[in-house]
Structures are given as C-alpha cells and as structure tokens.
Amino acid sequence: MFAEEVYFTTTAHLILALLAGGLIGLERSYQGRPAGFRTHALVCMASSLLMLLTLYQVELLPTVPVEALRIDPTRMAQGIMTGIGFLGAGVIMKDHFTIRGLTTAASIWITAAIGILIGIGFYVAAAFSTALTLGALSLFRWLEAIMPTRHYARLELRTRIANRVTLEELLALVAHHHCTAANPGYALMQDGRVFHYDMTLRTQDRDNFYRLSEALAAMDKTAEFQIHPSSE
C-alpha cells in the first residue's frame, strides 16, 4: 500500500504536469493548431506519470526483490522522447511548398521534457522551462513579425507558345516588384502549345507577391500562374 505522502506527491506531480502542458497547449489552441490544449496537457501528464513509475517502482511492486527492479529513469526518459517523436511527426504537414506544424511539433517535444522534469520532482527547472516555452511561442512570434525577414515563394507560370512571355520579360517584371528570382525551370506542355516556367522568388515584403500576381493577371500573354508562399 502506498503511504499518504506518496499519494500526495504523485497527485501533485500529475496536477502540475497537467497545468504546465495545458498552458503551452492553450497558446497552440489560440493559434488554431490541431495539437492544442488537450494534446499538450496529456503529453505532459503522461511523461510525468511514466517517470513516477521509475521513482516509485519499489512501492508499486512490493513483492518483487529490490535487486530485480531495474527500471532506469534515464532509459525511461529516452523511451518517452522517442515516442513523442512519432506524435510530433504526425502534426507536420506539407502544403504545396509550405511545411506546417514544425513549431507545434517542437512544443510537443518540450512539453514532454517538462513532464519528465515534473515527474522526477525537478520543479524549479520545470517552471522555468514552462515560462521560457510560453515566451518563445508568444514573444518570439512578435519579434518575427517586426524583424526584417526574407520571404520565399514558388512561381509557376504557363504561357502560350504563340504569344509567349520571354524569360527576360518575366525576370524584369519580378525585379520591378522588388522580388529576386532563382533556380528557374522550364517545360513544354500540352503537345508543345504551352511553355511552363517555375522559379523561386525572394523578397523582403510579403505583399510584393500579391502585387506581382496582380501584374501577372493583367498580362495578355499569361495563360495560368500560381504563387505558393513558403513558410514554417
């Protein structure tokens, strides 16, 4: 039978893990991410619960000789982080040329680590890590919004051979809208009736992509085009 002190400690660990994971999950839910409040709360609490298993294995298995109990806390932590890797991979998605979910995967990973700290009773580090994580998710988002950043996009343009947009014309239009083009590719499509360009665009102002799209739409030589901004 567990002593009352063990029950109290176990309950406190789990509640603290639930709160820490929930705080991080609230920020993700606010940002509209699929892995939000409940996911982060459960991940943190599960990590704490598994670490509690290593701390109280003697109390859990009183009939087993002490020398037979070989649950290593460090190996348990490694197993937890390995399992979290699969969960994190599940929230990373590729949408055209954009990779989404990397920040959420990282937040799930740090949430598991915080749960491990709470599970072994390292409360100071867990509290400090929770505060830093919330700061990174909220404050760093604000810093990213105000700091100079290069924005990338993939441009795909189709033009009819009979009235084709030349590469020089396209590059001049791109440069006019304060974008830089790189890695151009070419293809002949629809039995030689359509010429296809694709290239990577770079700019300091994301709105330049929209201005470029307006100019491309107004060109008579443009048959079809797509601009796919890429972001984390």
C-alpha atoms as a PDB file:
ATOM      1  CA  MET A   1       0.000   0.000   0.000  1.00  0.00           C
ATOM      2  CA  PHE A   2       1.195   3.490  -0.833  1.00  0.00           C
ATOM      3  CA  ALA A   3       1.807   5.815   2.084  1.00  0.00           C
ATOM      4  CA  GLU A   4      -0.232   9.008   2.188  1.00  0.00           C
ATOM      5  CA  GLU A   5       2.885  11.030   1.376  1.00  0.00           C
ATOM      6  CA  VAL A   6       3.395   9.028  -1.816  1.00  0.00           C
ATOM      7  CA  TYR A   7      -0.219   9.544  -2.845  1.00  0.00           C
ATOM      8  CA  PHE A   8       0.067  13.282  -2.224  1.00  0.00           C
ATOM      9  CA  THR A   9       3.351  13.578  -4.136  1.00  0.00           C
ATOM     10  CA  THR A  10       2.038  11.575  -7.073  1.00  0.00           C
ATOM     11  CA  THR A  11      -1.148  13.655  -7.283  1.00  0.00           C
ATOM     12  CA  ALA A  12       0.810  16.909  -7.040  1.00  0.00           C
ATOM     13  CA  HIS A  13       3.166  15.834  -9.838  1.00  0.00           C
ATOM     14  CA  LEU A  14       0.320  14.929 -12.160  1.00  0.00           C
ATOM     15  CA  ILE A  15      -1.671  18.104 -11.482  1.00  0.00           C
ATOM     16  CA  LEU A  16       1.386  20.284 -12.043  1.00  0.00           C
ATOM     17  CA  ALA A  17       2.165  18.426 -15.270  1.00  0.00           C
ATOM     18  CA  LEU A  18      -1.423  18.890 -16.426  1.00  0.00           C
ATOM     19  CA  LEU A  19      -1.239  22.637 -15.723  1.00  0.00           C
ATOM     20  CA  ALA A  20       2.155  23.106 -17.403  1.00  0.00           C
ATOM     21  CA  GLY A  21       1.130  21.193 -20.515  1.00  0.00           C
ATOM     22  CA  GLY A  22      -2.237  22.940 -20.561  1.00  0.00           C
ATOM     23  CA  LEU A  23      -0.636  26.400 -20.505  1.00  0.00           C
ATOM     24  CA  ILE A  24       1.524  25.585 -23.509  1.00  0.00           C
ATOM     25  CA  GLY A  25      -1.419  23.928 -25.246  1.00  0.00           C
ATOM     26  CA  LEU A  26      -3.588  26.998 -24.728  1.00  0.00           C
ATOM     27  CA  GLU A  27      -1.174  29.073 -26.803  1.00  0.00           C
ATOM     28  CA  ARG A  28      -1.264  26.473 -29.590  1.00  0.00           C
ATOM     29  CA  SER A  29      -5.078  26.321 -29.461  1.00  0.00           C
ATOM     30  CA  TYR A  30      -5.240  30.122 -29.651  1.00  0.00           C
ATOM     31  CA  GLN A  31      -3.156  29.955 -32.832  1.00  0.00           C
ATOM     32  CA  GLY A  32      -5.640  27.465 -34.296  1.00  0.00           C
ATOM     33  CA  ARG A  33      -3.289  24.472 -34.297  1.00  0.00           C
ATOM     34  CA  PRO A  34      -4.803  20.955 -34.300  1.00  0.00           C
ATOM     35  CA  ALA A  35      -2.492  19.798 -31.480  1.00  0.00           C
ATOM     36  CA  GLY A  36      -3.620  22.211 -28.804  1.00  0.00           C
ATOM     37  CA  PHE A  37      -4.741  22.301 -25.176  1.00  0.00           C
ATOM     38  CA  ARG A  38      -5.743  18.676 -24.655  1.00  0.00           C
ATOM     39  CA  THR A  39      -2.844  17.191 -26.615  1.00  0.00           C
ATOM     40  CA  HIS A  40      -0.158  19.125 -24.744  1.00  0.00           C
ATOM     41  CA  ALA A  41      -1.805  18.557 -21.363  1.00  0.00           C
ATOM     42  CA  LEU A  42      -1.990  14.798 -21.934  1.00  0.00           C
ATOM     43  CA  VAL A  43       1.574  14.589 -23.266  1.00  0.00           C
ATOM     44  CA  CYS A  44       2.974  16.389 -20.226  1.00  0.00           C
ATOM     45  CA  MET A  45       0.923  14.349 -17.776  1.00  0.00           C
ATOM     46  CA  ALA A  46       1.811  11.057 -19.490  1.00  0.00           C
ATOM     47  CA  SER A  47       5.519  11.876 -19.348  1.00  0.00           C
ATOM     48  CA  SER A  48       5.229  12.721 -15.659  1.00  0.00           C
ATOM     49  CA  LEU A  49       3.247   9.547 -14.961  1.00  0.00           C
ATOM     50  CA  LEU A  50       5.847   7.321 -16.630  1.00  0.00           C
ATOM     51  CA  MET A  51       8.667   8.964 -14.677  1.00  0.00           C
ATOM     52  CA  LEU A  52       6.713   8.443 -11.451  1.00  0.00           C
ATOM     53  CA  LEU A  53       6.744   4.744 -12.309  1.00  0.00           C
ATOM     54  CA  THR A  54      10.533   4.753 -12.093  1.00  0.00           C
ATOM     55  CA  LEU A  55      10.543   6.723  -8.830  1.00  0.00           C
ATOM     56  CA  TYR A  56       8.061   4.509  -7.002  1.00  0.00           C
ATOM     57  CA  GLN A  57       8.775   1.122  -8.508  1.00  0.00           C
ATOM     58  CA  VAL A  58       9.607  -0.318  -5.082  1.00  0.00           C
ATOM     59  CA  GLU A  59       6.244   0.797  -3.673  1.00  0.00           C
ATOM     60  CA  LEU A  60       4.412  -0.389  -6.786  1.00  0.00           C
ATOM     61  CA  LEU A  61       5.976  -3.858  -6.701  1.00  0.00           C
ATOM     62  CA  PRO A  62       6.475  -4.690  -3.016  1.00  0.00           C
ATOM     63  CA  THR A  63       6.661  -8.439  -3.619  1.00  0.00           C
ATOM     64  CA  VAL A  64       9.496  -8.165  -6.151  1.00  0.00           C
ATOM     65  CA  PRO A  65      13.056  -8.235  -4.758  1.00  0.00           C
ATOM     66  CA  VAL A  66      14.750  -4.845  -4.903  1.00  0.00           C
ATOM     67  CA  GLU A  67      17.683  -6.245  -6.882  1.00  0.00           C
ATOM     68  CA  ALA A  68      15.232  -7.376  -9.594  1.00  0.00           C
ATOM     69  CA  LEU A  69      13.904  -3.868 -10.132  1.00  0.00           C
ATOM     70  CA  ARG A  70      15.994  -2.322 -12.881  1.00  0.00           C
ATOM     71  CA  ILE A  71      13.827   0.415 -14.361  1.00  0.00           C
ATOM     72  CA  ASP A  72      16.356   3.123 -15.228  1.00  0.00           C
ATOM     73  CA  PRO A  73      14.884   6.675 -15.144  1.00  0.00           C
ATOM     74  CA  THR A  74      17.227   7.820 -17.915  1.00  0.00           C
ATOM     75  CA  ARG A  75      16.161   4.958 -20.174  1.00  0.00           C
ATOM     76  CA  MET A  76      12.526   5.729 -19.421  1.00  0.00           C
ATOM     77  CA  ALA A  77      13.122   9.363 -20.418  1.00  0.00           C
ATOM     78  CA  GLN A  78      14.753   8.222 -23.666  1.00  0.00           C
ATOM     79  CA  GLY A  79      11.784   5.988 -24.423  1.00  0.00           C
ATOM     80  CA  ILE A  80       9.350   8.836 -23.776  1.00  0.00           C
ATOM     81  CA  MET A  81      11.181  11.212 -26.100  1.00  0.00           C
ATOM     82  CA  THR A  82      11.365   8.536 -28.811  1.00  0.00           C
ATOM     83  CA  GLY A  83       7.617   8.018 -28.620  1.00  0.00           C
ATOM     84  CA  ILE A  84       6.983  11.759 -28.707  1.00  0.00           C
ATOM     85  CA  GLY A  85       8.944  11.886 -31.967  1.00  0.00           C
ATOM     86  CA  PHE A  86       6.188   9.891 -33.677  1.00  0.00           C
ATOM     87  CA  LEU A  87       3.500  12.168 -32.263  1.00  0.00           C
ATOM     88  CA  GLY A  88       5.422  15.258 -33.361  1.00  0.00           C
ATOM     89  CA  ALA A  89       5.849  13.872 -36.866  1.00  0.00           C
ATOM     90  CA  GLY A  90       2.090  13.480 -37.084  1.00  0.00           C
ATOM     91  CA  VAL A  91       1.472  17.239 -36.805  1.00  0.00           C
ATOM     92  CA  ILE A  92       3.985  18.192 -39.528  1.00  0.00           C
ATOM     93  CA  MET A  93       2.225  18.632 -42.866  1.00  0.00           C
ATOM     94  CA  LYS A  94       3.365  19.660 -46.338  1.00  0.00           C
ATOM     95  CA  ASP A  95       1.039  22.042 -48.164  1.00  0.00           C
ATOM     96  CA  HIS A  96       2.371  22.716 -51.660  1.00  0.00           C
ATOM     97  CA  PHE A  97       5.754  24.331 -50.948  1.00  0.00           C
ATOM     98  CA  THR A  98       4.949  25.148 -47.321  1.00  0.00           C
ATOM     99  CA  ILE A  99       5.871  22.992 -44.336  1.00  0.00           C
ATOM    100  CA  ARG A 100       3.464  23.477 -41.426  1.00  0.00           C
ATOM    101  CA  GLY A 101       3.481  22.153 -37.885  1.00  0.00           C
ATOM    102  CA  LEU A 102       7.198  22.357 -37.065  1.00  0.00           C
ATOM    103  CA  THR A 103       6.634  24.754 -34.161  1.00  0.00           C
ATOM    104  CA  THR A 104       3.809  22.621 -32.779  1.00  0.00           C
ATOM    105  CA  ALA A 105       5.990  19.502 -33.032  1.00  0.00           C
ATOM    106  CA  ALA A 106       8.735  21.307 -31.130  1.00  0.00           C
ATOM    107  CA  SER A 107       6.240  22.448 -28.479  1.00  0.00           C
ATOM    108  CA  ILE A 108       5.051  18.850 -28.007  1.00  0.00           C
ATOM    109  CA  TRP A 109       8.666  17.755 -27.596  1.00  0.00           C
ATOM    110  CA  ILE A 110       9.472  20.390 -24.957  1.00  0.00           C
ATOM    111  CA  THR A 111       6.164  19.639 -23.215  1.00  0.00           C
ATOM    112  CA  ALA A 112       7.218  16.002 -22.850  1.00  0.00           C
ATOM    113  CA  ALA A 113      10.559  17.119 -21.424  1.00  0.00           C
ATOM    114  CA  ILE A 114       8.784  19.377 -18.919  1.00  0.00           C
ATOM    115  CA  GLY A 115       6.597  16.451 -17.910  1.00  0.00           C
ATOM    116  CA  ILE A 116       9.719  14.381 -17.255  1.00  0.00           C
ATOM    117  CA  LEU A 117      11.133  17.142 -15.038  1.00  0.00           C
ATOM    118  CA  ILE A 118       7.890  17.348 -13.070  1.00  0.00           C
ATOM    119  CA  GLY A 119       7.745  13.570 -12.808  1.00  0.00           C
ATOM    120  CA  ILE A 120      11.110  13.422 -11.039  1.00  0.00           C
ATOM    121  CA  GLY A 121      10.285  16.452  -8.878  1.00  0.00           C
ATOM    122  CA  PHE A 122      12.605  18.992 -10.533  1.00  0.00           C
ATOM    123  CA  TYR A 123      10.014  21.752 -10.095  1.00  0.00           C
ATOM    124  CA  VAL A 124      12.257  24.812 -10.474  1.00  0.00           C
ATOM    125  CA  ALA A 125      13.590  23.723 -13.853  1.00  0.00           C
ATOM    126  CA  ALA A 126      10.091  22.665 -14.954  1.00  0.00           C
ATOM    127  CA  ALA A 127       8.556  26.016 -14.014  1.00  0.00           C
ATOM    128  CA  PHE A 128      11.378  27.953 -15.653  1.00  0.00           C
ATOM    129  CA  SER A 129      11.125  25.798 -18.799  1.00  0.00           C
ATOM    130  CA  THR A 130       7.363  26.352 -18.973  1.00  0.00           C
ATOM    131  CA  ALA A 131       7.835  30.121 -18.720  1.00  0.00           C
ATOM    132  CA  LEU A 132      10.561  30.106 -21.372  1.00  0.00           C
ATOM    133  CA  THR A 133       8.449  27.948 -23.688  1.00  0.00           C
ATOM    134  CA  LEU A 134       5.458  30.266 -23.402  1.00  0.00           C
ATOM    135  CA  GLY A 135       7.771  33.217 -24.008  1.00  0.00           C
ATOM    136  CA  ALA A 136       9.261  31.583 -27.095  1.00  0.00           C
ATOM    137  CA  LEU A 137       5.836  30.797 -28.537  1.00  0.00           C
ATOM    138  CA  SER A 138       4.323  34.244 -27.907  1.00  0.00           C
ATOM    139  CA  LEU A 139       7.139  36.804 -27.610  1.00  0.00           C
ATOM    140  CA  PHE A 140       9.206  35.325 -30.439  1.00  0.00           C
ATOM    141  CA  ARG A 141       6.140  35.435 -32.700  1.00  0.00           C
ATOM    142  CA  TRP A 142       6.004  39.186 -32.088  1.00  0.00           C
ATOM    143  CA  LEU A 143       9.744  39.508 -32.745  1.00  0.00           C
ATOM    144  CA  GLU A 144       9.413  37.570 -36.004  1.00  0.00           C
ATOM    145  CA  ALA A 145       6.651  39.963 -37.089  1.00  0.00           C
ATOM    146  CA  ILE A 146       8.742  43.109 -36.590  1.00  0.00           C
ATOM    147  CA  MET A 147      12.214  41.919 -37.560  1.00  0.00           C
ATOM    148  CA  PRO A 148      13.401  42.050 -41.206  1.00  0.00           C
ATOM    149  CA  THR A 149      12.717  38.695 -42.802  1.00  0.00           C
ATOM    150  CA  ARG A 150      13.214  37.205 -46.231  1.00  0.00           C
ATOM    151  CA  HIS A 151      10.050  35.660 -47.621  1.00  0.00           C
ATOM    152  CA  TYR A 152      10.102  32.907 -50.211  1.00  0.00           C
ATOM    153  CA  ALA A 153       7.564  31.659 -52.733  1.00  0.00           C
ATOM    154  CA  ARG A 154       7.414  29.361 -55.735  1.00  0.00           C
ATOM    155  CA  LEU A 155       6.191  30.888 -59.001  1.00  0.00           C
ATOM    156  CA  GLU A 156       4.699  28.685 -61.713  1.00  0.00           C
ATOM    157  CA  LEU A 157       3.708  30.403 -64.966  1.00  0.00           C
ATOM    158  CA  ARG A 158       2.212  28.956 -68.145  1.00  0.00           C
ATOM    159  CA  THR A 159       2.235  30.979 -71.342  1.00  0.00           C
ATOM    160  CA  ARG A 160       1.092  30.053 -74.856  1.00  0.00           C
ATOM    161  CA  ILE A 161       3.844  29.424 -77.381  1.00  0.00           C
ATOM    162  CA  ALA A 162       2.076  31.565 -79.970  1.00  0.00           C
ATOM    163  CA  ASN A 163       2.367  34.624 -77.719  1.00  0.00           C
ATOM    164  CA  ARG A 164       4.986  33.603 -75.167  1.00  0.00           C
ATOM    165  CA  VAL A 165       6.314  35.552 -72.207  1.00  0.00           C
ATOM    166  CA  THR A 166      10.093  35.510 -72.564  1.00  0.00           C
ATOM    167  CA  LEU A 167      12.349  34.794 -69.619  1.00  0.00           C
ATOM    168  CA  GLU A 168      13.756  38.325 -69.835  1.00  0.00           C
ATOM    169  CA  GLU A 169      10.257  39.821 -69.624  1.00  0.00           C
ATOM    170  CA  LEU A 170       9.344  37.639 -66.673  1.00  0.00           C
ATOM    171  CA  LEU A 171      12.553  38.396 -64.757  1.00  0.00           C
ATOM    172  CA  ALA A 172      12.136  42.127 -65.420  1.00  0.00           C
ATOM    173  CA  LEU A 173       8.585  42.013 -64.066  1.00  0.00           C
ATOM    174  CA  VAL A 174       9.721  40.095 -60.996  1.00  0.00           C
ATOM    175  CA  ALA A 175      12.516  42.600 -60.333  1.00  0.00           C
ATOM    176  CA  HIS A 176      10.118  45.533 -60.846  1.00  0.00           C
ATOM    177  CA  HIS A 177       8.067  44.219 -57.918  1.00  0.00           C
ATOM    178  CA  HIS A 178      11.148  44.029 -55.665  1.00  0.00           C
ATOM    179  CA  CYS A 179      11.498  40.267 -55.862  1.00  0.00           C
ATOM    180  CA  THR A 180      14.544  38.171 -56.713  1.00  0.00           C
ATOM    181  CA  ALA A 181      14.193  35.064 -58.865  1.00  0.00           C
ATOM    182  CA  ALA A 182      16.391  31.986 -58.570  1.00  0.00           C
ATOM    183  CA  ASN A 183      16.587  28.398 -59.860  1.00  0.00           C
ATOM    184  CA  PRO A 184      14.364  28.842 -62.948  1.00  0.00           C
ATOM    185  CA  GLY A 185      12.968  25.710 -64.548  1.00  0.00           C
ATOM    186  CA  TYR A 186      11.379  25.218 -67.958  1.00  0.00           C
ATOM    187  CA  ALA A 187       8.951  22.757 -69.543  1.00  0.00           C
ATOM    188  CA  LEU A 188       6.997  22.364 -72.764  1.00  0.00           C
ATOM    189  CA  MET A 189       3.436  21.171 -72.149  1.00  0.00           C
ATOM    190  CA  GLN A 190       0.163  20.309 -73.934  1.00  0.00           C
ATOM    191  CA  ASP A 191       1.808  18.962 -77.084  1.00  0.00           C
ATOM    192  CA  GLY A 192       4.040  21.962 -77.430  1.00  0.00           C
ATOM    193  CA  ARG A 193       1.307  24.588 -77.163  1.00  0.00           C
ATOM    194  CA  VAL A 194       2.189  25.868 -73.676  1.00  0.00           C
ATOM    195  CA  PHE A 195       5.552  26.876 -72.204  1.00  0.00           C
ATOM    196  CA  HIS A 196       5.962  26.457 -68.438  1.00  0.00           C
ATOM    197  CA  TYR A 197       8.248  28.431 -66.107  1.00  0.00           C
ATOM    198  CA  ASP A 198       8.858  27.732 -62.450  1.00  0.00           C
ATOM    199  CA  MET A 199      11.260  29.546 -60.128  1.00  0.00           C
ATOM    200  CA  THR A 200      11.883  30.506 -56.520  1.00  0.00           C
ATOM    201  CA  LEU A 201      11.055  34.076 -55.501  1.00  0.00           C
ATOM    202  CA  ARG A 202      12.547  36.004 -52.614  1.00  0.00           C
ATOM    203  CA  THR A 203      11.514  39.376 -51.180  1.00  0.00           C
ATOM    204  CA  GLN A 204      11.646  41.461 -48.016  1.00  0.00           C
ATOM    205  CA  ASP A 205       7.925  42.317 -48.143  1.00  0.00           C
ATOM    206  CA  ARG A 206       5.383  39.500 -48.427  1.00  0.00           C
ATOM    207  CA  ASP A 207       2.885  41.889 -50.061  1.00  0.00           C
ATOM    208  CA  ASN A 208       5.158  42.044 -53.104  1.00  0.00           C
ATOM    209  CA  PHE A 209       3.931  38.559 -54.034  1.00  0.00           C
ATOM    210  CA  TYR A 210       0.376  39.876 -54.254  1.00  0.00           C
ATOM    211  CA  ARG A 211       1.446  42.895 -56.315  1.00  0.00           C
ATOM    212  CA  LEU A 212       3.315  40.591 -58.669  1.00  0.00           C
ATOM    213  CA  SER A 213       0.252  38.366 -59.011  1.00  0.00           C
ATOM    214  CA  GLU A 214      -1.853  41.401 -59.969  1.00  0.00           C
ATOM    215  CA  ALA A 215       0.640  42.295 -62.690  1.00  0.00           C
ATOM    216  CA  LEU A 216       0.761  38.717 -63.999  1.00  0.00           C
ATOM    217  CA  ALA A 217      -3.036  38.536 -64.092  1.00  0.00           C
ATOM    218  CA  ALA A 218      -3.151  41.731 -66.170  1.00  0.00           C
ATOM    219  CA  MET A 219      -0.755  40.384 -68.813  1.00  0.00           C
ATOM    220  CA  ASP A 220      -2.354  39.130 -72.032  1.00  0.00           C
ATOM    221  CA  LYS A 221       0.471  36.636 -72.505  1.00  0.00           C
ATOM    222  CA  THR A 222      -0.273  34.866 -69.216  1.00  0.00           C
ATOM    223  CA  ALA A 223      -2.311  31.682 -69.598  1.00  0.00           C
ATOM    224  CA  GLU A 224      -2.070  30.435 -65.996  1.00  0.00           C
ATOM    225  CA  PHE A 225       0.088  31.135 -62.966  1.00  0.00           C
ATOM    226  CA  GLN A 226       0.436  30.175 -59.313  1.00  0.00           C
ATOM    227  CA  ILE A 227       2.436  31.734 -56.492  1.00  0.00           C
ATOM    228  CA  HIS A 228       2.911  29.482 -53.462  1.00  0.00           C
ATOM    229  CA  PRO A 229       4.422  31.316 -50.454  1.00  0.00           C
ATOM    230  CA  SER A 230       6.545  29.034 -48.319  1.00  0.00           C
ATOM    231  CA  SER A 231       6.671  29.382 -44.549  1.00  0.00           C
ATOM    232  CA  GLU A 232       7.389  27.367 -41.409  1.00  0.00           C
END
